[in-house]
C-alpha atoms as a PDB file:
ATOM      1  CA  MET A   1     133.390  74.104 135.095  1.00  0.00           C
ATOM      2  CA  SER A   2     134.142  70.932 133.209  1.00  0.00           C
ATOM      3  CA  ARG A   3     136.459  68.353 134.726  1.00  0.00           C
ATOM      4  CA  ASN A   4     138.882  68.583 131.845  1.00  0.00           C
ATOM      5  CA  PHE A   5     139.521  72.322 132.256  1.00  0.00           C
ATOM      6  CA  LYS A   6     142.942  73.231 131.032  1.00  0.00           C
ATOM      7  CA  PRO A   7     144.225  76.792 131.121  1.00  0.00           C
ATOM      8  CA  ALA A   8     145.081  78.262 127.736  1.00  0.00           C
ATOM      9  CA  MET A   9     148.792  78.423 128.438  1.00  0.00           C
ATOM     10  CA  GLY A  10     150.518  81.347 126.861  1.00  0.00           C
ATOM     11  CA  SER A  11     147.321  83.259 126.054  1.00  0.00           C
ATOM     12  CA  GLY A  12     148.110  85.840 128.738  1.00  0.00           C
ATOM     13  CA  ASP A  13     151.840  85.994 128.246  1.00  0.00           C
ATOM     14  CA  LEU A  14     151.584  89.296 126.391  1.00  0.00           C
ATOM     15  CA  GLY A  15     149.789  90.942 129.315  1.00  0.00           C
ATOM     16  CA  LEU A  16     146.270  90.626 127.885  1.00  0.00           C
ATOM     17  CA  THR A  17     143.246  88.686 129.066  1.00  0.00           C
ATOM     18  CA  ASP A  18     139.612  88.230 128.015  1.00  0.00           C
ATOM     19  CA  LEU A  19     136.502  89.768 129.509  1.00  0.00           C
ATOM     20  CA  LEU A  20     133.113  88.209 128.881  1.00  0.00           C
ATOM     21  CA  GLY A  21     132.143  88.672 125.270  1.00  0.00           C
ATOM     22  CA  GLY A  22     135.702  88.124 124.076  1.00  0.00           C
ATOM     23  CA  ARG A  23     136.988  91.673 124.603  1.00  0.00           C
ATOM     24  CA  ARG A  24     140.776  91.570 125.178  1.00  0.00           C
ATOM     25  CA  VAL A  25     142.057  93.997 127.780  1.00  0.00           C
ATOM     26  CA  PRO A  26     145.381  94.554 129.520  1.00  0.00           C
ATOM     27  CA  LYS A  27     145.799  92.590 132.736  1.00  0.00           C
ATOM     28  CA  THR A  28     146.271  95.969 134.403  1.00  0.00           C
ATOM     29  CA  HIS A  29     142.691  96.977 133.472  1.00  0.00           C
ATOM     30  CA  ARG A  30     140.626  98.040 136.502  1.00  0.00           C
ATOM     31  CA  ARG A  31     138.034  95.325 135.859  1.00  0.00           C
ATOM     32  CA  VAL A  32     140.737  92.641 135.887  1.00  0.00           C
ATOM     33  CA  LYS A  33     142.258  94.105 139.056  1.00  0.00           C
ATOM     34  CA  LEU A  34     138.885  94.168 140.803  1.00  0.00           C
ATOM     35  CA  ASN A  35     138.152  90.577 139.807  1.00  0.00           C
ATOM     36  CA  ALA A  36     141.545  89.513 141.180  1.00  0.00           C
ATOM     37  CA  LEU A  37     140.687  91.226 144.479  1.00  0.00           C
ATOM     38  CA  LEU A  38     137.249  89.585 144.512  1.00  0.00           C
ATOM     39  CA  ASP A  39     138.937  86.209 144.025  1.00  0.00           C
ATOM     40  CA  GLU A  40     141.227  86.991 146.954  1.00  0.00           C
ATOM     41  CA  LEU A  41     138.216  88.060 149.041  1.00  0.00           C
ATOM     42  CA  SER A  42     136.427  84.783 148.296  1.00  0.00           C
ATOM     43  CA  ALA A  43     139.520  82.834 149.376  1.00  0.00           C
ATOM     44  CA  LEU A  44     139.656  84.928 152.545  1.00  0.00           C
ATOM     45  CA  LEU A  45     136.000  84.126 153.266  1.00  0.00           C
ATOM     46  CA  GLY A  46     136.895  80.454 152.806  1.00  0.00           C
ATOM     47  CA  LEU A  47     139.667  80.817 155.370  1.00  0.00           C
ATOM     48  CA  LEU A  48     137.271  82.627 157.713  1.00  0.00           C
ATOM     49  CA  LYS A  49     134.793  79.735 157.406  1.00  0.00           C
ATOM     50  CA  THR A  50     137.381  77.365 158.870  1.00  0.00           C
ATOM     51  CA  GLY A  51     137.158  79.228 162.180  1.00  0.00           C
ATOM     52  CA  ILE A  52     133.354  79.429 162.269  1.00  0.00           C
ATOM     53  CA  ARG A  53     131.557  76.725 164.205  1.00  0.00           C
ATOM     54  CA  ASP A  54     127.972  77.854 163.618  1.00  0.00           C
ATOM     55  CA  ARG A  55     126.472  76.040 160.607  1.00  0.00           C
ATOM     56  CA  ALA A  56     124.198  78.946 159.701  1.00  0.00           C
ATOM     57  CA  GLU A  57     127.129  81.363 159.656  1.00  0.00           C
ATOM     58  CA  LYS A  58     129.170  78.968 157.496  1.00  0.00           C
ATOM     59  CA  GLY A  59     126.211  78.858 155.113  1.00  0.00           C
ATOM     60  CA  GLU A  60     126.024  82.659 155.106  1.00  0.00           C
ATOM     61  CA  LEU A  61     129.694  82.878 154.170  1.00  0.00           C
ATOM     62  CA  THR A  62     129.265  80.242 151.445  1.00  0.00           C
ATOM     63  CA  ALA A  63     126.356  82.281 150.057  1.00  0.00           C
ATOM     64  CA  ALA A  64     128.597  85.362 150.100  1.00  0.00           C
ATOM     65  CA  GLN A  65     131.260  83.452 148.144  1.00  0.00           C
ATOM     66  CA  ALA A  66     128.642  82.435 145.572  1.00  0.00           C
ATOM     67  CA  ALA A  67     127.486  86.045 145.343  1.00  0.00           C
ATOM     68  CA  LEU A  68     131.077  87.143 144.744  1.00  0.00           C
ATOM     69  CA  VAL A  69     131.130  84.890 141.678  1.00  0.00           C
ATOM     70  CA  ARG A  70     128.090  86.828 140.413  1.00  0.00           C
ATOM     71  CA  VAL A  71     129.764  90.128 141.310  1.00  0.00           C
ATOM     72  CA  SER A  72     132.837  89.063 139.310  1.00  0.00           C
ATOM     73  CA  GLY A  73     130.637  88.168 136.366  1.00  0.00           C
ATOM     74  CA  LEU A  74     128.969  91.571 136.434  1.00  0.00           C
ATOM     75  CA  ILE A  75     132.353  93.289 136.607  1.00  0.00           C
ATOM     76  CA  ALA A  76     133.509  91.228 133.605  1.00  0.00           C
ATOM     77  CA  GLY A  77     130.459  92.273 131.572  1.00  0.00           C
ATOM     78  CA  MET A  78     127.715  89.783 132.420  1.00  0.00           C
ATOM     79  CA  LYS A  79     124.173  91.159 132.546  1.00  0.00           C
ATOM     80  CA  GLY A  80     122.083  90.879 135.700  1.00  0.00           C
ATOM     81  CA  ASN A  81     121.713  92.293 139.181  1.00  0.00           C
ATOM     82  CA  LEU A  82     122.362  91.435 142.813  1.00  0.00           C
ATOM     83  CA  LYS A  83     118.968  92.363 144.250  1.00  0.00           C
ATOM     84  CA  THR A  84     118.305  88.974 145.866  1.00  0.00           C
ATOM     85  CA  GLU A  85     121.802  88.688 147.309  1.00  0.00           C
ATOM     86  CA  THR A  86     121.757  92.253 148.641  1.00  0.00           C
ATOM     87  CA  GLU A  87     118.337  91.819 150.246  1.00  0.00           C
ATOM     88  CA  ALA A  88     119.457  88.559 151.874  1.00  0.00           C
ATOM     89  CA  LEU A  89     122.465  90.329 153.415  1.00  0.00           C
ATOM     90  CA  GLU A  90     120.262  93.199 154.597  1.00  0.00           C
ATOM     91  CA  ALA A  91     118.022  90.717 156.419  1.00  0.00           C
ATOM     92  CA  LEU A  92     121.048  89.093 158.081  1.00  0.00           C
ATOM     93  CA  ILE A  93     122.416  92.498 159.082  1.00  0.00           C
ATOM     94  CA  ASP A  94     119.079  93.563 160.587  1.00  0.00           C
ATOM     95  CA  ALA A  95     118.773  90.318 162.567  1.00  0.00           C
ATOM     96  CA  ARG A  96     122.351  90.422 163.829  1.00  0.00           C
ATOM     97  CA  ALA A  97     122.288  94.139 164.711  1.00  0.00           C
ATOM     98  CA  GLU A  98     119.288  93.595 166.986  1.00  0.00           C
ATOM     99  CA  THR A  99     121.242  91.178 169.189  1.00  0.00           C
ATOM    100  CA  LEU A 100     124.321  93.349 169.747  1.00  0.00           C
ATOM    101  CA  LYS A 101     124.838  96.010 172.378  1.00  0.00           C
ATOM    102  CA  PRO A 102     125.737  99.507 171.154  1.00  0.00           C
ATOM    103  CA  LEU A 103     129.433 100.153 170.551  1.00  0.00           C
ATOM    104  CA  LYS A 104     131.151 102.486 173.008  1.00  0.00           C
ATOM    105  CA  LYS A 105     134.651 102.492 171.511  1.00  0.00           C
ATOM    106  CA  PHE A 106     136.583 101.861 168.334  1.00  0.00           C
ATOM    107  CA  ILE A 107     137.315  98.229 167.550  1.00  0.00           C
ATOM    108  CA  LEU A 108     140.902  97.056 167.312  1.00  0.00           C
ATOM    109  CA  PRO A 109     140.972  93.636 165.601  1.00  0.00           C
ATOM    110  CA  GLY A 110     142.734  90.809 167.394  1.00  0.00           C
ATOM    111  CA  ALA A 111     140.407  89.463 170.071  1.00  0.00           C
ATOM    112  CA  ASN A 112     140.815  86.036 168.452  1.00  0.00           C
ATOM    113  CA  GLU A 113     141.786  84.600 165.091  1.00  0.00           C
ATOM    114  CA  THR A 114     138.243  84.332 163.724  1.00  0.00           C
ATOM    115  CA  GLU A 115     137.424  87.912 164.678  1.00  0.00           C
ATOM    116  CA  ALA A 116     140.678  89.173 163.133  1.00  0.00           C
ATOM    117  CA  LEU A 117     139.999  87.248 159.908  1.00  0.00           C
ATOM    118  CA  ALA A 118     136.482  88.705 159.742  1.00  0.00           C
ATOM    119  CA  HIS A 119     137.963  92.202 160.037  1.00  0.00           C
ATOM    120  CA  LEU A 120     140.593  91.401 157.392  1.00  0.00           C
ATOM    121  CA  ALA A 121     137.848  90.184 155.037  1.00  0.00           C
ATOM    122  CA  ARG A 122     135.837  93.336 155.833  1.00  0.00           C
ATOM    123  CA  ALA A 123     138.799  95.551 154.963  1.00  0.00           C
ATOM    124  CA  LYS A 124     139.355  93.682 151.675  1.00  0.00           C
ATOM    125  CA  THR A 125     135.642  94.053 150.935  1.00  0.00           C
ATOM    126  CA  ARG A 126     135.917  97.816 151.367  1.00  0.00           C
ATOM    127  CA  ILE A 127     138.773  97.961 148.855  1.00  0.00           C
ATOM    128  CA  CYS A 128     136.662  95.984 146.376  1.00  0.00           C
ATOM    129  CA  GLU A 129     133.720  98.313 146.972  1.00  0.00           C
ATOM    130  CA  ILE A 130     135.859 101.397 146.286  1.00  0.00           C
ATOM    131  CA  LEU A 131     137.040  99.914 142.983  1.00  0.00           C
ATOM    132  CA  ALA A 132     133.469  98.975 142.049  1.00  0.00           C
ATOM    133  CA  TRP A 133     132.417 102.590 142.583  1.00  0.00           C
ATOM    134  CA  GLU A 134     135.355 103.727 140.420  1.00  0.00           C
ATOM    135  CA  LEU A 135     133.974 101.488 137.666  1.00  0.00           C
ATOM    136  CA  LYS A 136     130.480 102.914 138.267  1.00  0.00           C
ATOM    137  CA  ALA A 137     129.286  99.370 138.982  1.00  0.00           C
ATOM    138  CA  LYS A 138     126.502 100.333 141.371  1.00  0.00           C
ATOM    139  CA  ALA A 139     124.923  96.927 142.086  1.00  0.00           C
ATOM    140  CA  PRO A 140     128.276  95.286 142.911  1.00  0.00           C
ATOM    141  CA  ALA A 141     129.320  98.308 144.999  1.00  0.00           C
ATOM    142  CA  VAL A 142     126.101  98.260 147.033  1.00  0.00           C
ATOM    143  CA  TYR A 143     126.367  94.499 147.578  1.00  0.00           C
ATOM    144  CA  LEU A 144     129.975  94.876 148.725  1.00  0.00           C
ATOM    145  CA  ASN A 145     128.957  97.675 151.085  1.00  0.00           C
ATOM    146  CA  ARG A 146     126.411  95.346 152.701  1.00  0.00           C
ATOM    147  CA  LEU A 147     128.946  92.513 152.845  1.00  0.00           C
ATOM    148  CA  SER A 148     131.345  94.818 154.679  1.00  0.00           C
ATOM    149  CA  ASP A 149     128.617  95.632 157.219  1.00  0.00           C
ATOM    150  CA  TYR A 150     127.796  91.942 157.638  1.00  0.00           C
ATOM    151  CA  LEU A 151     131.459  91.052 158.190  1.00  0.00           C
ATOM    152  CA  PHE A 152     131.801  93.803 160.801  1.00  0.00           C
ATOM    153  CA  LEU A 153     128.858  92.374 162.730  1.00  0.00           C
ATOM    154  CA  LEU A 154     130.239  88.832 162.361  1.00  0.00           C
ATOM    155  CA  ALA A 155     133.572  90.061 163.747  1.00  0.00           C
ATOM    156  CA  LEU A 156     131.810  91.656 166.724  1.00  0.00           C
ATOM    157  CA  LYS A 157     129.946  88.448 167.424  1.00  0.00           C
ATOM    158  CA  SER A 158     133.138  86.400 167.116  1.00  0.00           C
ATOM    159  CA  ALA A 159     134.955  88.698 169.537  1.00  0.00           C
ATOM    160  CA  ARG A 160     132.141  88.576 172.073  1.00  0.00           C
ATOM    161  CA  LYS A 161     131.890  84.783 171.876  1.00  0.00           C
ATOM    162  CA  MET A 162     135.423  84.681 173.236  1.00  0.00           C
ATOM    163  CA  GLY A 163     134.581  87.111 176.033  1.00  0.00           C
ATOM    164  CA  SER A 164     136.305  90.144 174.521  1.00  0.00           C
END
């Protein structure tokens, strides 16, 4: 984005906004709603990063935020796929799952702030995934499904780091 970015004030005052390619749609359009939720999810991942001490995990969350930009682009009409991003998450999930003991009970978030934020981000991710499926946006939906799994495992690790 250029340094002199200035919002086009008033262009959305009639309840319309642009998708990629110049198509004007109501701000209540499902694609616009999903992109707003993806923006919120990215901000939530940013908040989660503030509680993560491990550099690799911070990098993983930054990569997820970058992938969410691509997801938003696809939802708005950009061409492309998320194969690389999805495969990267799958590798992280496989590596993390190997180090955790099997679950014996349901998880109630709240062991610590970082764990609770990871669960909150996971829940928001699931909402985004559901909307992606409604839009028949398979690649974004699959990526979001993997991100939800990754965030669940990150939450488990965060809870166990604190002895919960």
